[in-house]
Amino acid sequence: WLALFLEHGLVAVHVESYRPMWPTLGTYHHTL
């Protein structure tokens, strides 16, 4: 994702990965 964003001239000023509890009960990662 970060590589795709850079291709579009977008810089990540914050990146945060976490396992959401709702509704997927922490079964995989999300990234902001």
PDB file of all heavy atoms in Angstrom:
ATOM      1  N   TRP A   1       0.837  -1.200   0.000  1.00  0.00           N
ATOM      2  CA  TRP A   1       0.000   0.000   0.000  1.00  0.00           C
ATOM      3  C   TRP A   1       0.872   1.251   0.000  1.00  0.00           C
ATOM      4  O   TRP A   1       0.629   2.194  -0.752  1.00  0.00           O
ATOM      5  CB  TRP A   1      -0.944   0.024   1.202  1.00  0.00           C
ATOM      6  CG  TRP A   1      -2.112  -0.897   1.101  1.00  0.00           C
ATOM      7  CD1 TRP A   1      -2.423  -1.924   1.940  1.00  0.00           C
ATOM      8  CD2 TRP A   1      -3.153  -0.879   0.103  1.00  0.00           C
ATOM      9  NE1 TRP A   1      -3.582  -2.551   1.527  1.00  0.00           N
ATOM     10  CE2 TRP A   1      -4.047  -1.932   0.405  1.00  0.00           C
ATOM     11  CE3 TRP A   1      -3.408  -0.094  -1.006  1.00  0.00           C
ATOM     12  CZ2 TRP A   1      -5.181  -2.198  -0.363  1.00  0.00           C
ATOM     13  CZ3 TRP A   1      -4.532  -0.358  -1.774  1.00  0.00           C
ATOM     14  CH2 TRP A   1      -5.400  -1.403  -1.446  1.00  0.00           C
ATOM     15  N   LEU A   2       1.900   1.263   0.841  1.00  0.00           N
ATOM     16  CA  LEU A   2       2.772   2.438   0.911  1.00  0.00           C
ATOM     17  C   LEU A   2       3.426   2.736  -0.436  1.00  0.00           C
ATOM     18  O   LEU A   2       3.523   3.897  -0.845  1.00  0.00           O
ATOM     19  CB  LEU A   2       3.838   2.243   1.999  1.00  0.00           C
ATOM     20  CG  LEU A   2       3.328   2.362   3.435  1.00  0.00           C
ATOM     21  CD1 LEU A   2       4.372   1.864   4.424  1.00  0.00           C
ATOM     22  CD2 LEU A   2       2.906   3.787   3.748  1.00  0.00           C
ATOM     23  N   ALA A   3       3.846   1.686  -1.135  1.00  0.00           N
ATOM     24  CA  ALA A   3       4.448   1.875  -2.463  1.00  0.00           C
ATOM     25  C   ALA A   3       3.430   2.465  -3.441  1.00  0.00           C
ATOM     26  O   ALA A   3       3.752   3.370  -4.220  1.00  0.00           O
ATOM     27  CB  ALA A   3       5.002   0.547  -2.981  1.00  0.00           C
ATOM     28  N   LEU A   4       2.187   1.976  -3.397  1.00  0.00           N
ATOM     29  CA  LEU A   4       1.137   2.510  -4.274  1.00  0.00           C
ATOM     30  C   LEU A   4       0.871   3.983  -3.976  1.00  0.00           C
ATOM     31  O   LEU A   4       0.748   4.801  -4.887  1.00  0.00           O
ATOM     32  CB  LEU A   4      -0.148   1.693  -4.127  1.00  0.00           C
ATOM     33  CG  LEU A   4      -1.329   2.152  -4.975  1.00  0.00           C
ATOM     34  CD1 LEU A   4      -1.035   1.947  -6.468  1.00  0.00           C
ATOM     35  CD2 LEU A   4      -2.601   1.403  -4.580  1.00  0.00           C
ATOM     36  N   PHE A   5       0.815   4.335  -2.706  1.00  0.00           N
ATOM     37  CA  PHE A   5       0.561   5.728  -2.331  1.00  0.00           C
ATOM     38  C   PHE A   5       1.687   6.632  -2.840  1.00  0.00           C
ATOM     39  O   PHE A   5       1.429   7.719  -3.363  1.00  0.00           O
ATOM     40  CB  PHE A   5       0.391   5.869  -0.822  1.00  0.00           C
ATOM     41  CG  PHE A   5      -0.725   5.039  -0.252  1.00  0.00           C
ATOM     42  CD1 PHE A   5      -0.614   4.479   1.017  1.00  0.00           C
ATOM     43  CD2 PHE A   5      -1.888   4.793  -0.969  1.00  0.00           C
ATOM     44  CE1 PHE A   5      -1.641   3.714   1.553  1.00  0.00           C
ATOM     45  CE2 PHE A   5      -2.917   4.023  -0.443  1.00  0.00           C
ATOM     46  CZ  PHE A   5      -2.789   3.483   0.826  1.00  0.00           C
ATOM     47  N   LEU A   6       2.933   6.198  -2.699  1.00  0.00           N
ATOM     48  CA  LEU A   6       4.067   6.987  -3.177  1.00  0.00           C
ATOM     49  C   LEU A   6       4.016   7.193  -4.686  1.00  0.00           C
ATOM     50  O   LEU A   6       4.362   8.266  -5.177  1.00  0.00           O
ATOM     51  CB  LEU A   6       5.389   6.319  -2.794  1.00  0.00           C
ATOM     52  CG  LEU A   6       5.927   6.660  -1.411  1.00  0.00           C
ATOM     53  CD1 LEU A   6       7.187   5.857  -1.104  1.00  0.00           C
ATOM     54  CD2 LEU A   6       6.185   8.147  -1.281  1.00  0.00           C
ATOM     55  N   GLU A   7       3.572   6.169  -5.422  1.00  0.00           N
ATOM     56  CA  GLU A   7       3.418   6.296  -6.875  1.00  0.00           C
ATOM     57  C   GLU A   7       2.454   7.429  -7.237  1.00  0.00           C
ATOM     58  O   GLU A   7       2.531   7.984  -8.323  1.00  0.00           O
ATOM     59  CB  GLU A   7       2.880   4.992  -7.480  1.00  0.00           C
ATOM     60  CG  GLU A   7       3.864   3.863  -7.536  1.00  0.00           C
ATOM     61  CD  GLU A   7       3.214   2.573  -8.021  1.00  0.00           C
ATOM     62  OE1 GLU A   7       2.129   2.625  -8.651  1.00  0.00           O
ATOM     63  OE2 GLU A   7       3.789   1.498  -7.747  1.00  0.00           O
ATOM     64  N   HIS A   8       1.543   7.746  -6.322  1.00  0.00           N
ATOM     65  CA  HIS A   8       0.542   8.797  -6.549  1.00  0.00           C
ATOM     66  C   HIS A   8       0.913  10.113  -5.876  1.00  0.00           C
ATOM     67  O   HIS A   8       0.065  11.003  -5.731  1.00  0.00           O
ATOM     68  CB  HIS A   8      -0.832   8.319  -6.072  1.00  0.00           C
ATOM     69  CG  HIS A   8      -1.421   7.291  -6.978  1.00  0.00           C
ATOM     70  ND1 HIS A   8      -1.056   5.967  -6.923  1.00  0.00           N
ATOM     71  CD2 HIS A   8      -2.291   7.400  -7.993  1.00  0.00           C
ATOM     72  CE1 HIS A   8      -1.702   5.296  -7.857  1.00  0.00           C
ATOM     73  NE2 HIS A   8      -2.458   6.150  -8.524  1.00  0.00           N
ATOM     74  N   GLY A   9       2.163  10.236  -5.439  1.00  0.00           N
ATOM     75  CA  GLY A   9       2.623  11.479  -4.829  1.00  0.00           C
ATOM     76  C   GLY A   9       2.050  11.723  -3.450  1.00  0.00           C
ATOM     77  O   GLY A   9       1.941  12.865  -3.016  1.00  0.00           O
ATOM     78  N   LEU A  10       1.691  10.652  -2.753  1.00  0.00           N
ATOM     79  CA  LEU A  10       1.123  10.769  -1.408  1.00  0.00           C
ATOM     80  C   LEU A  10       2.128  10.220  -0.386  1.00  0.00           C
ATOM     81  O   LEU A  10       2.611   9.096  -0.527  1.00  0.00           O
ATOM     82  CB  LEU A  10      -0.191   9.994  -1.317  1.00  0.00           C
ATOM     83  CG  LEU A  10      -1.295  10.506  -2.231  1.00  0.00           C
ATOM     84  CD1 LEU A  10      -2.437   9.497  -2.309  1.00  0.00           C
ATOM     85  CD2 LEU A  10      -1.811  11.853  -1.743  1.00  0.00           C
ATOM     86  N   VAL A  11       2.405  11.027   0.615  1.00  0.00           N
ATOM     87  CA  VAL A  11       3.357  10.658   1.654  1.00  0.00           C
ATOM     88  C   VAL A  11       2.594  10.248   2.908  1.00  0.00           C
ATOM     89  O   VAL A  11       1.657  10.938   3.329  1.00  0.00           O
ATOM     90  CB  VAL A  11       4.281  11.857   1.978  1.00  0.00           C
ATOM     91  CG1 VAL A  11       5.221  11.523   3.124  1.00  0.00           C
ATOM     92  CG2 VAL A  11       5.041  12.281   0.744  1.00  0.00           C
ATOM     93  N   ALA A  12       3.004   9.147   3.503  1.00  0.00           N
ATOM     94  CA  ALA A  12       2.383   8.696   4.755  1.00  0.00           C
ATOM     95  C   ALA A  12       3.006   9.464   5.918  1.00  0.00           C
ATOM     96  O   ALA A  12       4.201   9.338   6.179  1.00  0.00           O
ATOM     97  CB  ALA A  12       2.584   7.198   4.926  1.00  0.00           C
ATOM     98  N   VAL A  13       2.184  10.275   6.593  1.00  0.00           N
ATOM     99  CA  VAL A  13       2.670  11.017   7.759  1.00  0.00           C
ATOM    100  C   VAL A  13       2.401  10.234   9.041  1.00  0.00           C
ATOM    101  O   VAL A  13       2.930  10.579  10.092  1.00  0.00           O
ATOM    102  CB  VAL A  13       2.061  12.440   7.831  1.00  0.00           C
ATOM    103  CG1 VAL A  13       2.521  13.265   6.640  1.00  0.00           C
ATOM    104  CG2 VAL A  13       0.555  12.401   7.926  1.00  0.00           C
ATOM    105  N   HIS A  14       1.587   9.194   8.940  1.00  0.00           N
ATOM    106  CA  HIS A  14       1.337   8.293  10.066  1.00  0.00           C
ATOM    107  C   HIS A  14       0.867   6.961   9.501  1.00  0.00           C
ATOM    108  O   HIS A  14       0.032   6.914   8.597  1.00  0.00           O
ATOM    109  CB  HIS A  14       0.271   8.870  11.001  1.00  0.00           C
ATOM    110  CG  HIS A  14      -0.049   7.975  12.149  1.00  0.00           C
ATOM    111  ND1 HIS A  14       0.755   7.880  13.258  1.00  0.00           N
ATOM    112  CD2 HIS A  14      -1.065   7.104  12.347  1.00  0.00           C
ATOM    113  CE1 HIS A  14       0.234   6.991  14.100  1.00  0.00           C
ATOM    114  NE2 HIS A  14      -0.866   6.508  13.569  1.00  0.00           N
ATOM    115  N   VAL A  15       1.396   5.868  10.050  1.00  0.00           N
ATOM    116  CA  VAL A  15       0.989   4.512   9.678  1.00  0.00           C
ATOM    117  C   VAL A  15       0.854   3.716  10.965  1.00  0.00           C
ATOM    118  O   VAL A  15       1.755   3.738  11.811  1.00  0.00           O
ATOM    119  CB  VAL A  15       2.027   3.838   8.750  1.00  0.00           C
ATOM    120  CG1 VAL A  15       1.593   2.418   8.409  1.00  0.00           C
ATOM    121  CG2 VAL A  15       2.242   4.652   7.484  1.00  0.00           C
ATOM    122  N   GLU A  16      -0.273   3.045  11.102  1.00  0.00           N
ATOM    123  CA  GLU A  16      -0.544   2.305  12.340  1.00  0.00           C
ATOM    124  C   GLU A  16      -1.287   1.009  12.007  1.00  0.00           C
ATOM    125  O   GLU A  16      -2.389   1.047  11.474  1.00  0.00           O
ATOM    126  CB  GLU A  16      -1.407   3.191  13.240  1.00  0.00           C
ATOM    127  CG  GLU A  16      -1.905   2.555  14.490  1.00  0.00           C
ATOM    128  CD  GLU A  16      -2.862   3.470  15.248  1.00  0.00           C
ATOM    129  OE1 GLU A  16      -3.008   4.666  14.882  1.00  0.00           O
ATOM    130  OE2 GLU A  16      -3.465   2.974  16.205  1.00  0.00           O
ATOM    131  N   SER A  17      -0.658  -0.130  12.328  1.00  0.00           N
ATOM    132  CA  SER A  17      -1.319  -1.421  12.130  1.00  0.00           C
ATOM    133  C   SER A  17      -1.850  -1.930  13.466  1.00  0.00           C
ATOM    134  O   SER A  17      -1.231  -1.705  14.513  1.00  0.00           O
ATOM    135  CB  SER A  17      -0.333  -2.443  11.551  1.00  0.00           C
ATOM    136  OG  SER A  17       0.025  -2.077  10.235  1.00  0.00           O
ATOM    137  N   TYR A  18      -2.979  -2.595  13.408  1.00  0.00           N
ATOM    138  CA  TYR A  18      -3.609  -3.115  14.618  1.00  0.00           C
ATOM    139  C   TYR A  18      -4.555  -4.257  14.243  1.00  0.00           C
ATOM    140  O   TYR A  18      -4.913  -4.423  13.081  1.00  0.00           O
ATOM    141  CB  TYR A  18      -4.366  -2.007  15.366  1.00  0.00           C
ATOM    142  CG  TYR A  18      -5.541  -1.448  14.593  1.00  0.00           C
ATOM    143  CD1 TYR A  18      -6.843  -1.874  14.866  1.00  0.00           C
ATOM    144  CD2 TYR A  18      -5.359  -0.506  13.580  1.00  0.00           C
ATOM    145  CE1 TYR A  18      -7.927  -1.372  14.147  1.00  0.00           C
ATOM    146  CE2 TYR A  18      -6.437  -0.007  12.868  1.00  0.00           C
ATOM    147  CZ  TYR A  18      -7.713  -0.444  13.152  1.00  0.00           C
ATOM    148  OH  TYR A  18      -8.777   0.039  12.446  1.00  0.00           O
ATOM    149  N   ARG A  19      -4.961  -5.016  15.230  1.00  0.00           N
ATOM    150  CA  ARG A  19      -5.954  -6.072  15.038  1.00  0.00           C
ATOM    151  C   ARG A  19      -7.277  -5.576  15.619  1.00  0.00           C
ATOM    152  O   ARG A  19      -7.402  -5.446  16.832  1.00  0.00           O
ATOM    153  CB  ARG A  19      -5.538  -7.357  15.739  1.00  0.00           C
ATOM    154  CG  ARG A  19      -4.430  -8.096  15.055  1.00  0.00           C
ATOM    155  CD  ARG A  19      -4.067  -9.332  15.906  1.00  0.00           C
ATOM    156  NE  ARG A  19      -3.077 -10.120  15.254  1.00  0.00           N
ATOM    157  CZ  ARG A  19      -3.339 -11.213  14.543  1.00  0.00           C
ATOM    158  NH1 ARG A  19      -4.570 -11.638  14.403  1.00  0.00           N
ATOM    159  NH2 ARG A  19      -2.369 -11.899  13.983  1.00  0.00           N
ATOM    160  N   PRO A  20      -8.260  -5.296  14.773  1.00  0.00           N
ATOM    161  CA  PRO A  20      -9.538  -4.766  15.272  1.00  0.00           C
ATOM    162  C   PRO A  20     -10.344  -5.844  15.998  1.00  0.00           C
ATOM    163  O   PRO A  20     -10.363  -6.996  15.584  1.00  0.00           O
ATOM    164  CB  PRO A  20     -10.252  -4.339  13.995  1.00  0.00           C
ATOM    165  CG  PRO A  20      -9.725  -5.268  12.962  1.00  0.00           C
ATOM    166  CD  PRO A  20      -8.291  -5.518  13.330  1.00  0.00           C
ATOM    167  N   MET A  21     -10.986  -5.434  17.047  1.00  0.00           N
ATOM    168  CA  MET A  21     -11.840  -6.377  17.764  1.00  0.00           C
ATOM    169  C   MET A  21     -13.192  -6.528  17.070  1.00  0.00           C
ATOM    170  O   MET A  21     -13.742  -7.611  17.036  1.00  0.00           O
ATOM    171  CB  MET A  21     -12.009  -5.911  19.212  1.00  0.00           C
ATOM    172  CG  MET A  21     -12.581  -6.974  20.080  1.00  0.00           C
ATOM    173  SD  MET A  21     -11.531  -8.443  19.936  1.00  0.00           S
ATOM    174  CE  MET A  21     -12.365  -9.529  21.017  1.00  0.00           C
ATOM    175  N   TRP A  22     -13.709  -5.415  16.520  1.00  0.00           N
ATOM    176  CA  TRP A  22     -15.060  -5.437  15.948  1.00  0.00           C
ATOM    177  C   TRP A  22     -15.043  -5.114  14.462  1.00  0.00           C
ATOM    178  O   TRP A  22     -14.423  -4.140  14.088  1.00  0.00           O
ATOM    179  CB  TRP A  22     -15.958  -4.435  16.683  1.00  0.00           C
ATOM    180  CG  TRP A  22     -15.903  -4.647  18.141  1.00  0.00           C
ATOM    181  CD1 TRP A  22     -15.286  -3.840  19.052  1.00  0.00           C
ATOM    182  CD2 TRP A  22     -16.428  -5.753  18.880  1.00  0.00           C
ATOM    183  NE1 TRP A  22     -15.390  -4.371  20.298  1.00  0.00           N
ATOM    184  CE2 TRP A  22     -16.090  -5.555  20.227  1.00  0.00           C
ATOM    185  CE3 TRP A  22     -17.142  -6.898  18.543  1.00  0.00           C
ATOM    186  CZ2 TRP A  22     -16.441  -6.439  21.220  1.00  0.00           C
ATOM    187  CZ3 TRP A  22     -17.494  -7.789  19.539  1.00  0.00           C
ATOM    188  CH2 TRP A  22     -17.148  -7.548  20.860  1.00  0.00           C
ATOM    189  N   PRO A  23     -15.722  -5.821  13.639  1.00  0.00           N
ATOM    190  CA  PRO A  23     -16.505  -7.019  13.919  1.00  0.00           C
ATOM    191  C   PRO A  23     -15.736  -8.324  13.702  1.00  0.00           C
ATOM    192  O   PRO A  23     -16.296  -9.398  13.789  1.00  0.00           O
ATOM    193  CB  PRO A  23     -17.641  -6.911  12.900  1.00  0.00           C
ATOM    194  CG  PRO A  23     -16.992  -6.296  11.705  1.00  0.00           C
ATOM    195  CD  PRO A  23     -15.950  -5.341  12.271  1.00  0.00           C
ATOM    196  N   THR A  24     -14.430  -8.242  13.429  1.00  0.00           N
ATOM    197  CA  THR A  24     -13.686  -9.434  12.989  1.00  0.00           C
ATOM    198  C   THR A  24     -12.934 -10.155  14.102  1.00  0.00           C
ATOM    199  O   THR A  24     -12.155 -11.063  13.834  1.00  0.00           O
ATOM    200  CB  THR A  24     -12.713  -9.042  11.857  1.00  0.00           C
ATOM    201  OG1 THR A  24     -11.839  -8.007  12.329  1.00  0.00           O
ATOM    202  CG2 THR A  24     -13.471  -8.563  10.633  1.00  0.00           C
ATOM    203  N   LEU A  25     -13.140  -9.750  15.340  1.00  0.00           N
ATOM    204  CA  LEU A  25     -12.629 -10.456  16.513  1.00  0.00           C
ATOM    205  C   LEU A  25     -11.118 -10.640  16.518  1.00  0.00           C
ATOM    206  O   LEU A  25     -10.594 -11.655  16.976  1.00  0.00           O
ATOM    207  CB  LEU A  25     -13.331 -11.812  16.652  1.00  0.00           C
ATOM    208  CG  LEU A  25     -14.874 -11.739  16.642  1.00  0.00           C
ATOM    209  CD1 LEU A  25     -15.478 -13.129  16.651  1.00  0.00           C
ATOM    210  CD2 LEU A  25     -15.385 -10.894  17.787  1.00  0.00           C
ATOM    211  N   GLY A  26     -10.399  -9.661  15.996  1.00  0.00           N
ATOM    212  CA  GLY A  26      -8.940  -9.672  16.038  1.00  0.00           C
ATOM    213  C   GLY A  26      -8.272 -10.728  15.170  1.00  0.00           C
ATOM    214  O   GLY A  26      -7.135 -11.104  15.426  1.00  0.00           O
ATOM    215  N   THR A  27      -8.954 -11.179  14.127  1.00  0.00           N
ATOM    216  CA  THR A  27      -8.421 -12.296  13.335  1.00  0.00           C
ATOM    217  C   THR A  27      -7.417 -11.890  12.263  1.00  0.00           C
ATOM    218  O   THR A  27      -6.748 -12.759  11.704  1.00  0.00           O
ATOM    219  CB  THR A  27      -9.570 -13.097  12.681  1.00  0.00           C
ATOM    220  OG1 THR A  27     -10.407 -12.204  11.941  1.00  0.00           O
ATOM    221  CG2 THR A  27     -10.407 -13.812  13.735  1.00  0.00           C
ATOM    222  N   TYR A  28      -7.321 -10.590  11.940  1.00  0.00           N
ATOM    223  CA  TYR A  28      -6.326 -10.135  10.970  1.00  0.00           C
ATOM    224  C   TYR A  28      -6.069  -8.651  11.180  1.00  0.00           C
ATOM    225  O   TYR A  28      -6.807  -7.980  11.891  1.00  0.00           O
ATOM    226  CB  TYR A  28      -6.745 -10.417   9.520  1.00  0.00           C
ATOM    227  CG  TYR A  28      -8.056  -9.796   9.110  1.00  0.00           C
ATOM    228  CD1 TYR A  28      -8.106  -8.531   8.547  1.00  0.00           C
ATOM    229  CD2 TYR A  28      -9.259 -10.473   9.282  1.00  0.00           C
ATOM    230  CE1 TYR A  28      -9.300  -7.953   8.172  1.00  0.00           C
ATOM    231  CE2 TYR A  28     -10.466  -9.904   8.909  1.00  0.00           C
ATOM    232  CZ  TYR A  28     -10.475  -8.644   8.357  1.00  0.00           C
ATOM    233  OH  TYR A  28     -11.665  -8.075   8.003  1.00  0.00           O
ATOM    234  N   HIS A  29      -5.013  -8.154  10.555  1.00  0.00           N
ATOM    235  CA  HIS A  29      -4.596  -6.766  10.732  1.00  0.00           C
ATOM    236  C   HIS A  29      -5.335  -5.788   9.823  1.00  0.00           C
ATOM    237  O   HIS A  29      -5.677  -6.122   8.697  1.00  0.00           O
ATOM    238  CB  HIS A  29      -3.094  -6.631  10.448  1.00  0.00           C
ATOM    239  CG  HIS A  29      -2.231  -7.128  11.540  1.00  0.00           C
ATOM    240  ND1 HIS A  29      -1.852  -8.439  11.651  1.00  0.00           N
ATOM    241  CD2 HIS A  29      -1.676  -6.485  12.586  1.00  0.00           C
ATOM    242  CE1 HIS A  29      -1.096  -8.587  12.711  1.00  0.00           C
ATOM    243  NE2 HIS A  29      -0.968  -7.420  13.303  1.00  0.00           N
ATOM    244  N   HIS A  30      -5.529  -4.608  10.373  1.00  0.00           N
ATOM    245  CA  HIS A  30      -5.924  -3.425   9.616  1.00  0.00           C
ATOM    246  C   HIS A  30      -4.762  -2.448   9.733  1.00  0.00           C
ATOM    247  O   HIS A  30      -4.009  -2.488  10.702  1.00  0.00           O
ATOM    248  CB  HIS A  30      -7.155  -2.754  10.221  1.00  0.00           C
ATOM    249  CG  HIS A  30      -8.426  -3.480   9.992  1.00  0.00           C
ATOM    250  ND1 HIS A  30      -9.598  -3.096  10.611  1.00  0.00           N
ATOM    251  CD2 HIS A  30      -8.751  -4.544   9.241  1.00  0.00           C
ATOM    252  CE1 HIS A  30     -10.579  -3.893  10.241  1.00  0.00           C
ATOM    253  NE2 HIS A  30     -10.079  -4.785   9.412  1.00  0.00           N
ATOM    254  N   THR A  31      -4.660  -1.551   8.766  1.00  0.00           N
ATOM    255  CA  THR A  31      -3.646  -0.495   8.856  1.00  0.00           C
ATOM    256  C   THR A  31      -4.279   0.834   8.486  1.00  0.00           C
ATOM    257  O   THR A  31      -4.996   0.932   7.493  1.00  0.00           O
ATOM    258  CB  THR A  31      -2.433  -0.786   7.943  1.00  0.00           C
ATOM    259  OG1 THR A  31      -1.860  -2.042   8.321  1.00  0.00           O
ATOM    260  CG2 THR A  31      -1.376   0.301   8.074  1.00  0.00           C
ATOM    261  N   LEU A  32      -4.013   1.827   9.321  1.00  0.00           N
ATOM    262  CA  LEU A  32      -4.422   3.201   9.063  1.00  0.00           C
ATOM    263  C   LEU A  32      -3.251   3.925   8.415  1.00  0.00           C
ATOM    264  O   LEU A  32      -2.132   3.906   8.946  1.00  0.00           O
ATOM    265  CB  LEU A  32      -4.804   3.914  10.368  1.00  0.00           C
ATOM    266  CG  LEU A  32      -5.008   5.433  10.272  1.00  0.00           C
ATOM    267  CD1 LEU A  32      -6.173   5.779   9.363  1.00  0.00           C
ATOM    268  CD2 LEU A  32      -5.208   6.015  11.666  1.00  0.00           C
TER     269      LEU A  32
END
